Amino acid sequence: MPKLPVVSGKEAVKAFAKIGYRPDHQTGSHIILRHVNEPHRRLSVPNHREISKGLLHDLIKEAGLTVEEFIELL
């Protein structure tokens, strides 16, 4: 399994947008993404300069991606 890259919140939002997640709203420093197709899954991405490895791994898993697929989206 490849190592997780160091990404910012904005980079993660751009990557998730490529698979159908769109910004729904922002609460504080967290951008809430919502998938355009049913069942309209949501992701909460912190708008920080660097997302921690554990959180990034959880977001990738929640989006139904593998680390390799996520890296290709960047």
Protein backbone atom coordinates (compact mmCIF):
# COMPACT_ATOMS: atom_id res chain seq x y z
CA MET A 1 0.00 0.00 0.00
CA PRO A 2 1.48 3.38 -0.94
CA LYS A 3 2.07 6.05 1.66
CA LEU A 4 -0.60 8.67 2.17
CA PRO A 5 0.35 12.02 0.66
CA VAL A 6 0.37 15.24 2.65
CA VAL A 7 -2.62 17.24 1.39
CA SER A 8 -4.45 20.37 2.43
CA GLY A 9 -8.19 20.63 2.89
CA LYS A 10 -8.60 22.45 -0.42
CA GLU A 11 -6.63 19.76 -2.29
CA ALA A 12 -8.79 17.05 -0.72
CA VAL A 13 -11.98 18.90 -1.69
CA LYS A 14 -10.76 19.14 -5.31
CA ALA A 15 -9.94 15.42 -5.37
CA PHE A 16 -13.32 14.41 -3.93
CA ALA A 17 -15.07 16.73 -6.40
CA LYS A 18 -13.72 14.56 -9.23
CA ILE A 19 -15.82 11.63 -7.99
CA GLY A 20 -19.04 13.58 -7.48
CA TYR A 21 -18.75 15.32 -4.10
CA ARG A 22 -19.81 18.98 -4.10
CA PRO A 23 -19.52 21.56 -1.32
CA ASP A 24 -22.84 21.72 0.54
CA HIS A 25 -21.95 24.24 3.24
CA GLN A 26 -19.20 25.24 5.63
CA THR A 27 -19.38 25.11 9.40
CA GLY A 28 -16.45 26.88 11.00
CA SER A 29 -13.29 25.55 9.37
CA HIS A 30 -14.95 22.37 8.05
CA ILE A 31 -16.25 22.09 4.50
CA ILE A 32 -19.20 19.71 4.27
CA LEU A 33 -19.26 17.84 0.96
CA ARG A 34 -22.31 16.03 -0.33
CA HIS A 35 -22.37 13.44 -3.11
CA VAL A 36 -24.56 14.38 -6.07
CA ASN A 37 -26.05 10.87 -6.46
CA GLU A 38 -28.13 8.81 -4.06
CA PRO A 39 -27.65 8.11 -1.16
CA HIS A 40 -26.05 11.60 -0.92
CA ARG A 41 -23.20 10.65 1.36
CA ARG A 42 -21.48 13.47 3.26
CA LEU A 43 -17.85 14.13 4.08
CA SER A 44 -16.60 16.72 6.54
CA VAL A 45 -13.21 18.00 5.38
CA PRO A 46 -11.27 20.41 7.60
CA ASN A 47 -10.04 23.45 5.69
CA HIS A 48 -6.52 23.21 7.14
CA ARG A 49 -3.11 23.49 5.53
CA GLU A 50 -2.43 19.84 6.31
CA ILE A 51 -4.90 17.04 7.04
CA SER A 52 -3.64 14.42 9.49
CA LYS A 53 -2.87 10.98 8.09
CA GLY A 54 -5.52 9.23 10.20
CA LEU A 55 -8.29 11.62 9.22
CA LEU A 56 -7.30 11.50 5.55
CA HIS A 57 -7.36 7.71 5.64
CA ASP A 58 -10.83 7.77 7.24
CA LEU A 59 -12.14 10.24 4.61
CA ILE A 60 -10.78 8.10 1.77
CA LYS A 61 -12.39 4.99 3.26
CA GLU A 62 -15.70 6.79 3.86
CA ALA A 63 -15.74 7.95 0.23
CA GLY A 64 -15.37 4.33 -0.90
CA LEU A 65 -11.91 4.78 -2.37
CA THR A 66 -8.57 3.08 -1.93
CA VAL A 67 -5.42 5.06 -1.22
CA GLU A 68 -4.21 4.35 -4.76
CA GLU A 69 -7.44 5.69 -6.27
CA PHE A 70 -7.25 8.82 -4.13
CA ILE A 71 -3.65 9.48 -5.16
CA GLU A 72 -4.70 9.26 -8.83
CA LEU A 73 -7.36 11.93 -8.21
CA LEU A 74 -4.78 14.42 -6.89
